[in-house]
Amino acid sequence: PDETSCAILLRWLRSGGTLSQDFCLKVLHGATEILRQEARVRYSKHHAVVVIGDLHGSAWDLCAAMAAAGTPSKDNMIVFNGDYVDRGPRSIEVLITVLALKLCFGHWIHINRGNHE
């Protein structure tokens, strides 16, 4: 995945689209490899850090948060602070999209585990 495909994915999610099993498995395998190798979050006080948390399966909240946060970069790090799943009807789509964003933007996206994961 790249930045363009992640933008397309967010638009697809916002429009109510569903994700194929094959796509979900590819994202899960890719994210597993990256997350196994990744160390702690490191940031500079000179760069923005946006924290997004408690999405609870709400695709709308994820899309709105990403629109407000802007594009992840070395000057705009995004930390997802857990609780991606649980109450909302689109928990799997939210989790897969967060993992796909990690694949797209690498070091500029960080993922913490919440009590629902």
Foldseek 3Di string as FASTA:
>chain_A
DAPVVLVVLLVCVVVVHDDDPVLLVVLVVVLVVLVVPDDDQDADPQAAEAEAEQLAQPSVSVSVSDVVQDQFDNRRAYEYAENQHDDYPRSSSSVSSLSVSCVHHPNRYHYDYDPVD
